[in-house]
mmCIF file of all heavy atoms, coordinates in Angstrom:
data_MODEL
# 
_entry.id   MODEL 
# 
loop_
_atom_site.group_PDB 
_atom_site.id 
_atom_site.type_symbol 
_atom_site.label_atom_id 
_atom_site.label_alt_id 
_atom_site.label_comp_id 
_atom_site.label_asym_id 
_atom_site.label_entity_id 
_atom_site.label_seq_id 
_atom_site.pdbx_PDB_ins_code 
_atom_site.Cartn_x 
_atom_site.Cartn_y 
_atom_site.Cartn_z 
_atom_site.occupancy 
_atom_site.B_iso_or_equiv 
_atom_site.pdbx_formal_charge 
_atom_site.auth_seq_id 
_atom_site.auth_comp_id 
_atom_site.auth_asym_id 
_atom_site.auth_atom_id 
_atom_site.pdbx_PDB_model_num 
ATOM 1   N N   . ASP A 1 1  ? 113.684 -106.821 130.506 1.00 0.00 ? 1  ASP A N   1 
ATOM 2   C CA  . ASP A 1 1  ? 113.505 -105.394 130.815 1.00 0.00 ? 1  ASP A CA  1 
ATOM 3   C C   . ASP A 1 1  ? 114.841 -104.580 130.465 1.00 0.00 ? 1  ASP A C   1 
ATOM 4   O O   . ASP A 1 1  ? 114.709 -103.565 129.847 1.00 0.00 ? 1  ASP A O   1 
ATOM 5   C CB  . ASP A 1 1  ? 113.155 -105.181 132.331 1.00 0.00 ? 1  ASP A CB  1 
ATOM 6   C CG  . ASP A 1 1  ? 111.762 -105.699 132.647 1.00 0.00 ? 1  ASP A CG  1 
ATOM 7   O OD1 . ASP A 1 1  ? 110.899 -105.730 131.687 1.00 0.00 ? 1  ASP A OD1 1 
ATOM 8   O OD2 . ASP A 1 1  ? 111.466 -106.082 133.813 1.00 0.00 ? 1  ASP A OD2 1 
ATOM 9   N N   . LEU A 1 2  ? 115.925 -105.167 130.867 1.00 0.00 ? 2  LEU A N   1 
ATOM 10  C CA  . LEU A 1 2  ? 117.227 -104.482 130.594 1.00 0.00 ? 2  LEU A CA  1 
ATOM 11  C C   . LEU A 1 2  ? 117.530 -104.498 129.138 1.00 0.00 ? 2  LEU A C   1 
ATOM 12  O O   . LEU A 1 2  ? 117.946 -103.452 128.628 1.00 0.00 ? 2  LEU A O   1 
ATOM 13  C CB  . LEU A 1 2  ? 118.318 -105.242 131.323 1.00 0.00 ? 2  LEU A CB  1 
ATOM 14  C CG  . LEU A 1 2  ? 119.739 -104.665 131.108 1.00 0.00 ? 2  LEU A CG  1 
ATOM 15  C CD1 . LEU A 1 2  ? 119.754 -103.147 131.498 1.00 0.00 ? 2  LEU A CD1 1 
ATOM 16  C CD2 . LEU A 1 2  ? 120.772 -105.458 131.945 1.00 0.00 ? 2  LEU A CD2 1 
ATOM 17  N N   . ARG A 1 3  ? 117.176 -105.569 128.420 1.00 0.00 ? 3  ARG A N   1 
ATOM 18  C CA  . ARG A 1 3  ? 117.413 -105.651 126.985 1.00 0.00 ? 3  ARG A CA  1 
ATOM 19  C C   . ARG A 1 3  ? 116.566 -104.571 126.305 1.00 0.00 ? 3  ARG A C   1 
ATOM 20  O O   . ARG A 1 3  ? 117.065 -103.845 125.385 1.00 0.00 ? 3  ARG A O   1 
ATOM 21  C CB  . ARG A 1 3  ? 117.116 -106.989 126.388 1.00 0.00 ? 3  ARG A CB  1 
ATOM 22  C CG  . ARG A 1 3  ? 117.521 -107.193 124.961 1.00 0.00 ? 3  ARG A CG  1 
ATOM 23  C CD  . ARG A 1 3  ? 117.259 -108.600 124.434 1.00 0.00 ? 3  ARG A CD  1 
ATOM 24  N NE  . ARG A 1 3  ? 115.863 -108.847 124.400 1.00 0.00 ? 3  ARG A NE  1 
ATOM 25  C CZ  . ARG A 1 3  ? 115.263 -109.693 125.204 1.00 0.00 ? 3  ARG A CZ  1 
ATOM 26  N NH1 . ARG A 1 3  ? 115.903 -110.298 126.176 1.00 0.00 ? 3  ARG A NH1 1 
ATOM 27  N NH2 . ARG A 1 3  ? 113.897 -109.883 125.145 1.00 0.00 ? 3  ARG A NH2 1 
ATOM 28  N N   . HIS A 1 4  ? 115.322 -104.445 126.627 1.00 0.00 ? 4  HIS A N   1 
ATOM 29  C CA  . HIS A 1 4  ? 114.439 -103.502 125.979 1.00 0.00 ? 4  HIS A CA  1 
ATOM 30  C C   . HIS A 1 4  ? 114.949 -102.049 126.329 1.00 0.00 ? 4  HIS A C   1 
ATOM 31  O O   . HIS A 1 4  ? 114.806 -101.103 125.493 1.00 0.00 ? 4  HIS A O   1 
ATOM 32  C CB  . HIS A 1 4  ? 112.978 -103.666 126.427 1.00 0.00 ? 4  HIS A CB  1 
ATOM 33  C CG  . HIS A 1 4  ? 112.398 -104.949 126.036 1.00 0.00 ? 4  HIS A CG  1 
ATOM 34  N ND1 . HIS A 1 4  ? 112.803 -105.597 124.842 1.00 0.00 ? 4  HIS A ND1 1 
ATOM 35  C CD2 . HIS A 1 4  ? 111.505 -105.796 126.636 1.00 0.00 ? 4  HIS A CD2 1 
ATOM 36  C CE1 . HIS A 1 4  ? 112.120 -106.770 124.675 1.00 0.00 ? 4  HIS A CE1 1 
ATOM 37  N NE2 . HIS A 1 4  ? 111.338 -106.837 125.754 1.00 0.00 ? 4  HIS A NE2 1 
ATOM 38  N N   . PHE A 1 5  ? 115.351 -101.823 127.529 1.00 0.00 ? 5  PHE A N   1 
ATOM 39  C CA  . PHE A 1 5  ? 115.825 -100.491 127.987 1.00 0.00 ? 5  PHE A CA  1 
ATOM 40  C C   . PHE A 1 5  ? 117.059 -100.110 127.162 1.00 0.00 ? 5  PHE A C   1 
ATOM 41  O O   . PHE A 1 5  ? 117.174 -98.980  126.641 1.00 0.00 ? 5  PHE A O   1 
ATOM 42  C CB  . PHE A 1 5  ? 116.226 -100.551 129.428 1.00 0.00 ? 5  PHE A CB  1 
ATOM 43  C CG  . PHE A 1 5  ? 116.936 -99.323  129.971 1.00 0.00 ? 5  PHE A CG  1 
ATOM 44  C CD1 . PHE A 1 5  ? 116.257 -98.160  130.142 1.00 0.00 ? 5  PHE A CD1 1 
ATOM 45  C CD2 . PHE A 1 5  ? 118.313 -99.316  130.140 1.00 0.00 ? 5  PHE A CD2 1 
ATOM 46  C CE1 . PHE A 1 5  ? 116.919 -96.988  130.636 1.00 0.00 ? 5  PHE A CE1 1 
ATOM 47  C CE2 . PHE A 1 5  ? 118.955 -98.215  130.585 1.00 0.00 ? 5  PHE A CE2 1 
ATOM 48  C CZ  . PHE A 1 5  ? 118.271 -97.031  130.806 1.00 0.00 ? 5  PHE A CZ  1 
ATOM 49  N N   . MET A 1 6  ? 118.008 -101.110 126.968 1.00 0.00 ? 6  MET A N   1 
ATOM 50  C CA  . MET A 1 6  ? 119.192 -100.773 126.196 1.00 0.00 ? 6  MET A CA  1 
ATOM 51  C C   . MET A 1 6  ? 118.899 -100.524 124.684 1.00 0.00 ? 6  MET A C   1 
ATOM 52  O O   . MET A 1 6  ? 119.398 -99.690  124.039 1.00 0.00 ? 6  MET A O   1 
ATOM 53  C CB  . MET A 1 6  ? 120.188 -101.948 126.318 1.00 0.00 ? 6  MET A CB  1 
ATOM 54  C CG  . MET A 1 6  ? 120.743 -102.101 127.656 1.00 0.00 ? 6  MET A CG  1 
ATOM 55  S SD  . MET A 1 6  ? 121.845 -103.531 127.844 1.00 0.00 ? 6  MET A SD  1 
ATOM 56  C CE  . MET A 1 6  ? 123.189 -103.068 126.689 1.00 0.00 ? 6  MET A CE  1 
ATOM 57  N N   . PHE A 1 7  ? 117.907 -101.322 124.204 1.00 0.00 ? 7  PHE A N   1 
ATOM 58  C CA  . PHE A 1 7  ? 117.439 -101.157 122.870 1.00 0.00 ? 7  PHE A CA  1 
ATOM 59  C C   . PHE A 1 7  ? 116.940 -99.735  122.660 1.00 0.00 ? 7  PHE A C   1 
ATOM 60  O O   . PHE A 1 7  ? 117.280 -99.026  121.639 1.00 0.00 ? 7  PHE A O   1 
ATOM 61  C CB  . PHE A 1 7  ? 116.341 -102.149 122.500 1.00 0.00 ? 7  PHE A CB  1 
ATOM 62  C CG  . PHE A 1 7  ? 115.778 -101.975 121.144 1.00 0.00 ? 7  PHE A CG  1 
ATOM 63  C CD1 . PHE A 1 7  ? 116.312 -102.703 120.073 1.00 0.00 ? 7  PHE A CD1 1 
ATOM 64  C CD2 . PHE A 1 7  ? 114.705 -101.166 120.857 1.00 0.00 ? 7  PHE A CD2 1 
ATOM 65  C CE1 . PHE A 1 7  ? 115.789 -102.606 118.736 1.00 0.00 ? 7  PHE A CE1 1 
ATOM 66  C CE2 . PHE A 1 7  ? 114.193 -100.988 119.616 1.00 0.00 ? 7  PHE A CE2 1 
ATOM 67  C CZ  . PHE A 1 7  ? 114.720 -101.760 118.554 1.00 0.00 ? 7  PHE A CZ  1 
ATOM 68  N N   . HIS A 1 8  ? 116.076 -99.294  123.556 1.00 0.00 ? 8  HIS A N   1 
ATOM 69  C CA  . HIS A 1 8  ? 115.558 -97.869  123.429 1.00 0.00 ? 8  HIS A CA  1 
ATOM 70  C C   . HIS A 1 8  ? 116.616 -96.874  123.526 1.00 0.00 ? 8  HIS A C   1 
ATOM 71  O O   . HIS A 1 8  ? 116.598 -95.864  122.663 1.00 0.00 ? 8  HIS A O   1 
ATOM 72  C CB  . HIS A 1 8  ? 114.531 -97.706  124.589 1.00 0.00 ? 8  HIS A CB  1 
ATOM 73  C CG  . HIS A 1 8  ? 113.998 -96.363  124.674 1.00 0.00 ? 8  HIS A CG  1 
ATOM 74  N ND1 . HIS A 1 8  ? 113.021 -95.803  123.735 1.00 0.00 ? 8  HIS A ND1 1 
ATOM 75  C CD2 . HIS A 1 8  ? 114.228 -95.312  125.604 1.00 0.00 ? 8  HIS A CD2 1 
ATOM 76  C CE1 . HIS A 1 8  ? 112.833 -94.561  124.068 1.00 0.00 ? 8  HIS A CE1 1 
ATOM 77  N NE2 . HIS A 1 8  ? 113.450 -94.209  125.173 1.00 0.00 ? 8  HIS A NE2 1 
ATOM 78  N N   . LYS A 1 9  ? 117.603 -97.021  124.435 1.00 0.00 ? 9  LYS A N   1 
ATOM 79  C CA  . LYS A 1 9  ? 118.661 -95.982  124.560 1.00 0.00 ? 9  LYS A CA  1 
ATOM 80  C C   . LYS A 1 9  ? 119.673 -95.955  123.421 1.00 0.00 ? 9  LYS A C   1 
ATOM 81  O O   . LYS A 1 9  ? 120.224 -94.915  123.089 1.00 0.00 ? 9  LYS A O   1 
ATOM 82  C CB  . LYS A 1 9  ? 119.418 -96.292  125.850 1.00 0.00 ? 9  LYS A CB  1 
ATOM 83  C CG  . LYS A 1 9  ? 118.595 -96.015  127.131 1.00 0.00 ? 9  LYS A CG  1 
ATOM 84  C CD  . LYS A 1 9  ? 118.300 -94.514  127.258 1.00 0.00 ? 9  LYS A CD  1 
ATOM 85  C CE  . LYS A 1 9  ? 117.562 -94.199  128.548 1.00 0.00 ? 9  LYS A CE  1 
ATOM 86  N NZ  . LYS A 1 9  ? 117.218 -92.761  128.673 1.00 0.00 ? 9  LYS A NZ  1 
ATOM 87  N N   . LEU A 1 10 ? 119.854 -97.108  122.712 1.00 0.00 ? 10 LEU A N   1 
ATOM 88  C CA  . LEU A 1 10 ? 120.850 -97.192  121.699 1.00 0.00 ? 10 LEU A CA  1 
ATOM 89  C C   . LEU A 1 10 ? 120.352 -97.057  120.306 1.00 0.00 ? 10 LEU A C   1 
ATOM 90  O O   . LEU A 1 10 ? 121.119 -96.735  119.371 1.00 0.00 ? 10 LEU A O   1 
ATOM 91  C CB  . LEU A 1 10 ? 121.647 -98.521  121.839 1.00 0.00 ? 10 LEU A CB  1 
ATOM 92  C CG  . LEU A 1 10 ? 122.521 -98.677  123.095 1.00 0.00 ? 10 LEU A CG  1 
ATOM 93  C CD1 . LEU A 1 10 ? 123.043 -100.104 123.126 1.00 0.00 ? 10 LEU A CD1 1 
ATOM 94  C CD2 . LEU A 1 10 ? 123.591 -97.691  123.109 1.00 0.00 ? 10 LEU A CD2 1 
ATOM 95  N N   . SER A 1 11 ? 119.026 -97.265  120.102 1.00 0.00 ? 11 SER A N   1 
ATOM 96  C CA  . SER A 1 11 ? 118.491 -97.330  118.733 1.00 0.00 ? 11 SER A CA  1 
ATOM 97  C C   . SER A 1 11 ? 118.451 -95.949  118.067 1.00 0.00 ? 11 SER A C   1 
ATOM 98  O O   . SER A 1 11 ? 118.284 -95.914  116.856 1.00 0.00 ? 11 SER A O   1 
ATOM 99  C CB  . SER A 1 11 ? 117.056 -97.947  118.778 1.00 0.00 ? 11 SER A CB  1 
ATOM 100 O OG  . SER A 1 11 ? 116.203 -97.153  119.618 1.00 0.00 ? 11 SER A OG  1 
ATOM 101 N N   . GLY A 1 12 ? 118.575 -94.889  118.812 1.00 0.00 ? 12 GLY A N   1 
ATOM 102 C CA  . GLY A 1 12 ? 118.604 -93.583  118.215 1.00 0.00 ? 12 GLY A CA  1 
ATOM 103 C C   . GLY A 1 12 ? 119.919 -93.319  117.473 1.00 0.00 ? 12 GLY A C   1 
ATOM 104 O O   . GLY A 1 12 ? 119.901 -92.634  116.456 1.00 0.00 ? 12 GLY A O   1 
ATOM 105 N N   . GLU A 1 13 ? 120.988 -93.997  117.826 1.00 0.00 ? 13 GLU A N   1 
ATOM 106 C CA  . GLU A 1 13 ? 122.324 -93.814  117.254 1.00 0.00 ? 13 GLU A CA  1 
ATOM 107 C C   . GLU A 1 13 ? 122.751 -94.938  116.374 1.00 0.00 ? 13 GLU A C   1 
ATOM 108 O O   . GLU A 1 13 ? 123.528 -94.777  115.490 1.00 0.00 ? 13 GLU A O   1 
ATOM 109 C CB  . GLU A 1 13 ? 123.311 -93.552  118.346 1.00 0.00 ? 13 GLU A CB  1 
ATOM 110 C CG  . GLU A 1 13 ? 124.697 -93.111  117.827 1.00 0.00 ? 13 GLU A CG  1 
ATOM 111 C CD  . GLU A 1 13 ? 125.544 -92.517  118.950 1.00 0.00 ? 13 GLU A CD  1 
ATOM 112 O OE1 . GLU A 1 13 ? 125.027 -92.163  120.029 1.00 0.00 ? 13 GLU A OE1 1 
ATOM 113 O OE2 . GLU A 1 13 ? 126.840 -92.563  118.794 1.00 0.00 ? 13 GLU A OE2 1 
ATOM 114 N N   . PHE A 1 14 ? 122.193 -96.093  116.674 1.00 0.00 ? 14 PHE A N   1 
ATOM 115 C CA  . PHE A 1 14 ? 122.575 -97.323  115.975 1.00 0.00 ? 14 PHE A CA  1 
ATOM 116 C C   . PHE A 1 14 ? 121.302 -98.099  115.452 1.00 0.00 ? 14 PHE A C   1 
ATOM 117 O O   . PHE A 1 14 ? 120.209 -97.954  115.930 1.00 0.00 ? 14 PHE A O   1 
ATOM 118 C CB  . PHE A 1 14 ? 123.346 -98.285  116.893 1.00 0.00 ? 14 PHE A CB  1 
ATOM 119 C CG  . PHE A 1 14 ? 124.522 -97.638  117.571 1.00 0.00 ? 14 PHE A CG  1 
ATOM 120 C CD1 . PHE A 1 14 ? 124.429 -97.165  118.796 1.00 0.00 ? 14 PHE A CD1 1 
ATOM 121 C CD2 . PHE A 1 14 ? 125.792 -97.506  116.865 1.00 0.00 ? 14 PHE A CD2 1 
ATOM 122 C CE1 . PHE A 1 14 ? 125.560 -96.494  119.407 1.00 0.00 ? 14 PHE A CE1 1 
ATOM 123 C CE2 . PHE A 1 14 ? 126.873 -96.862  117.443 1.00 0.00 ? 14 PHE A CE2 1 
ATOM 124 C CZ  . PHE A 1 14 ? 126.753 -96.403  118.711 1.00 0.00 ? 14 PHE A CZ  1 
ATOM 125 N N   . GLU A 1 15 ? 121.599 -98.977  114.416 1.00 0.00 ? 15 GLU A N   1 
ATOM 126 C CA  . GLU A 1 15 ? 120.536 -99.943  114.022 1.00 0.00 ? 15 GLU A CA  1 
ATOM 127 C C   . GLU A 1 15 ? 120.689 -101.164 114.932 1.00 0.00 ? 15 GLU A C   1 
ATOM 128 O O   . GLU A 1 15 ? 121.633 -101.874 114.805 1.00 0.00 ? 15 GLU A O   1 
ATOM 129 C CB  . GLU A 1 15 ? 120.711 -100.303 112.563 1.00 0.00 ? 15 GLU A CB  1 
ATOM 130 C CG  . GLU A 1 15 ? 119.660 -101.208 112.039 1.00 0.00 ? 15 GLU A CG  1 
ATOM 131 C CD  . GLU A 1 15 ? 119.879 -101.660 110.617 1.00 0.00 ? 15 GLU A CD  1 
ATOM 132 O OE1 . GLU A 1 15 ? 120.412 -100.862 109.845 1.00 0.00 ? 15 GLU A OE1 1 
ATOM 133 O OE2 . GLU A 1 15 ? 119.585 -102.810 110.282 1.00 0.00 ? 15 GLU A OE2 1 
ATOM 134 N N   . VAL A 1 16 ? 119.734 -101.332 115.859 1.00 0.00 ? 16 VAL A N   1 
ATOM 135 C CA  . VAL A 1 16 ? 119.918 -102.343 116.922 1.00 0.00 ? 16 VAL A CA  1 
ATOM 136 C C   . VAL A 1 16 ? 119.031 -103.592 116.716 1.00 0.00 ? 16 VAL A C   1 
ATOM 137 O O   . VAL A 1 16 ? 117.808 -103.407 116.361 1.00 0.00 ? 16 VAL A O   1 
ATOM 138 C CB  . VAL A 1 16 ? 119.529 -101.672 118.294 1.00 0.00 ? 16 VAL A CB  1 
ATOM 139 C CG1 . VAL A 1 16 ? 119.807 -102.744 119.425 1.00 0.00 ? 16 VAL A CG1 1 
ATOM 140 C CG2 . VAL A 1 16 ? 120.336 -100.396 118.541 1.00 0.00 ? 16 VAL A CG2 1 
ATOM 141 N N   . SER A 1 17 ? 119.566 -104.697 116.909 1.00 0.00 ? 17 SER A N   1 
ATOM 142 C CA  . SER A 1 17 ? 118.862 -105.988 116.941 1.00 0.00 ? 17 SER A CA  1 
ATOM 143 C C   . SER A 1 17 ? 119.136 -106.666 118.281 1.00 0.00 ? 17 SER A C   1 
ATOM 144 O O   . SER A 1 17 ? 120.025 -106.247 119.050 1.00 0.00 ? 17 SER A O   1 
ATOM 145 C CB  . SER A 1 17 ? 119.214 -106.882 115.785 1.00 0.00 ? 17 SER A CB  1 
ATOM 146 O OG  . SER A 1 17 ? 120.624 -107.154 115.714 1.00 0.00 ? 17 SER A OG  1 
ATOM 147 N N   . GLU A 1 18 ? 118.384 -107.703 118.633 1.00 0.00 ? 18 GLU A N   1 
ATOM 148 C CA  . GLU A 1 18 ? 118.363 -108.288 119.946 1.00 0.00 ? 18 GLU A CA  1 
ATOM 149 C C   . GLU A 1 18 ? 118.511 -109.788 119.934 1.00 0.00 ? 18 GLU A C   1 
ATOM 150 O O   . GLU A 1 18 ? 118.023 -110.403 118.961 1.00 0.00 ? 18 GLU A O   1 
ATOM 151 C CB  . GLU A 1 18 ? 117.099 -107.935 120.728 1.00 0.00 ? 18 GLU A CB  1 
ATOM 152 C CG  . GLU A 1 18 ? 116.798 -106.422 120.754 1.00 0.00 ? 18 GLU A CG  1 
ATOM 153 C CD  . GLU A 1 18 ? 115.409 -106.219 121.426 1.00 0.00 ? 18 GLU A CD  1 
ATOM 154 O OE1 . GLU A 1 18 ? 115.174 -106.697 122.544 1.00 0.00 ? 18 GLU A OE1 1 
ATOM 155 O OE2 . GLU A 1 18 ? 114.555 -105.496 120.789 1.00 0.00 ? 18 GLU A OE2 1 
ATOM 156 N N   . ALA A 1 19 ? 119.133 -110.354 120.964 1.00 0.00 ? 19 ALA A N   1 
ATOM 157 C CA  . ALA A 1 19 ? 119.160 -111.719 121.160 1.00 0.00 ? 19 ALA A CA  1 
ATOM 158 C C   . ALA A 1 19 ? 118.997 -111.988 122.666 1.00 0.00 ? 19 ALA A C   1 
ATOM 159 O O   . ALA A 1 19 ? 119.475 -111.146 123.479 1.00 0.00 ? 19 ALA A O   1 
ATOM 160 C CB  . ALA A 1 19 ? 120.395 -112.379 120.659 1.00 0.00 ? 19 ALA A CB  1 
ATOM 161 N N   . CYS A 1 20 ? 118.435 -113.084 123.093 1.00 0.00 ? 20 CYS A N   1 
ATOM 162 C CA  . CYS A 1 20 ? 118.186 -113.432 124.462 1.00 0.00 ? 20 CYS A CA  1 
ATOM 163 C C   . CYS A 1 20 ? 119.277 -114.301 125.112 1.00 0.00 ? 20 CYS A C   1 
ATOM 164 O O   . CYS A 1 20 ? 119.262 -114.416 126.349 1.00 0.00 ? 20 CYS A O   1 
ATOM 165 C CB  . CYS A 1 20 ? 116.868 -114.164 124.597 1.00 0.00 ? 20 CYS A CB  1 
ATOM 166 S SG  . CYS A 1 20 ? 115.479 -113.205 123.961 1.00 0.00 ? 20 CYS A SG  1 
ATOM 167 N N   . ASP A 1 21 ? 120.174 -114.851 124.359 1.00 0.00 ? 21 ASP A N   1 
ATOM 168 C CA  . ASP A 1 21 ? 121.298 -115.612 124.905 1.00 0.00 ? 21 ASP A CA  1 
ATOM 169 C C   . ASP A 1 21 ? 122.332 -115.822 123.897 1.00 0.00 ? 21 ASP A C   1 
ATOM 170 O O   . ASP A 1 21 ? 122.085 -115.348 122.690 1.00 0.00 ? 21 ASP A O   1 
ATOM 171 C CB  . ASP A 1 21 ? 120.833 -117.007 125.460 1.00 0.00 ? 21 ASP A CB  1 
ATOM 172 C CG  . ASP A 1 21 ? 120.154 -117.809 124.371 1.00 0.00 ? 21 ASP A CG  1 
ATOM 173 O OD1 . ASP A 1 21 ? 120.701 -118.005 123.215 1.00 0.00 ? 21 ASP A OD1 1 
ATOM 174 O OD2 . ASP A 1 21 ? 119.022 -118.335 124.582 1.00 0.00 ? 21 ASP A OD2 1 
ATOM 175 N N   . GLY A 1 22 ? 123.503 -116.371 124.222 1.00 0.00 ? 22 GLY A N   1 
ATOM 176 C CA  . GLY A 1 22 ? 124.587 -116.429 123.347 1.00 0.00 ? 22 GLY A CA  1 
ATOM 177 C C   . GLY A 1 22 ? 124.328 -117.370 122.170 1.00 0.00 ? 22 GLY A C   1 
ATOM 178 O O   . GLY A 1 22 ? 124.850 -117.109 121.028 1.00 0.00 ? 22 GLY A O   1 
ATOM 179 N N   . LYS A 1 23 ? 123.558 -118.403 122.343 1.00 0.00 ? 23 LYS A N   1 
ATOM 180 C CA  . LYS A 1 23 ? 123.323 -119.291 121.311 1.00 0.00 ? 23 LYS A CA  1 
ATOM 181 C C   . LYS A 1 23 ? 122.426 -118.636 120.204 1.00 0.00 ? 23 LYS A C   1 
ATOM 182 O O   . LYS A 1 23 ? 122.818 -118.750 118.992 1.00 0.00 ? 23 LYS A O   1 
ATOM 183 C CB  . LYS A 1 23 ? 122.482 -120.515 121.836 1.00 0.00 ? 23 LYS A CB  1 
ATOM 184 C CG  . LYS A 1 23 ? 122.217 -121.616 120.739 1.00 0.00 ? 23 LYS A CG  1 
ATOM 185 C CD  . LYS A 1 23 ? 121.464 -122.766 121.344 1.00 0.00 ? 23 LYS A CD  1 
ATOM 186 C CE  . LYS A 1 23 ? 121.143 -123.788 120.273 1.00 0.00 ? 23 LYS A CE  1 
ATOM 187 N NZ  . LYS A 1 23 ? 120.292 -124.951 120.829 1.00 0.00 ? 23 LYS A NZ  1 
ATOM 188 N N   . GLN A 1 24 ? 121.457 -117.935 120.540 1.00 0.00 ? 24 GLN A N   1 
ATOM 189 C CA  . GLN A 1 24 ? 120.661 -117.234 119.582 1.00 0.00 ? 24 GLN A CA  1 
ATOM 190 C C   . GLN A 1 24 ? 121.487 -116.085 118.934 1.00 0.00 ? 24 GLN A C   1 
ATOM 191 O O   . GLN A 1 24 ? 121.363 -115.854 117.692 1.00 0.00 ? 24 GLN A O   1 
ATOM 192 C CB  . GLN A 1 24 ? 119.415 -116.598 120.259 1.00 0.00 ? 24 GLN A CB  1 
ATOM 193 C CG  . GLN A 1 24 ? 118.443 -115.993 119.231 1.00 0.00 ? 24 GLN A CG  1 
ATOM 194 C CD  . GLN A 1 24 ? 117.346 -115.217 119.899 1.00 0.00 ? 24 GLN A CD  1 
ATOM 195 O OE1 . GLN A 1 24 ? 117.478 -114.769 121.041 1.00 0.00 ? 24 GLN A OE1 1 
ATOM 196 N NE2 . GLN A 1 24 ? 116.137 -115.144 119.228 1.00 0.00 ? 24 GLN A NE2 1 
ATOM 197 N N   . ALA A 1 25 ? 122.330 -115.446 119.705 1.00 0.00 ? 25 ALA A N   1 
ATOM 198 C CA  . ALA A 1 25 ? 123.173 -114.392 119.199 1.00 0.00 ? 25 ALA A CA  1 
ATOM 199 C C   . ALA A 1 25 ? 124.076 -114.919 118.119 1.00 0.00 ? 25 ALA A C   1 
ATOM 200 O O   . ALA A 1 25 ? 124.284 -114.292 117.060 1.00 0.00 ? 25 ALA A O   1 
ATOM 201 C CB  . ALA A 1 25 ? 123.975 -113.769 120.334 1.00 0.00 ? 25 ALA A CB  1 
# 
């Protein structure tokens, strides 16, 4: 939920991608 919220808030200004943990990141 927090990751999707941050994605929504930041994607207007940045090209945003997501990862669920440090290993995937």
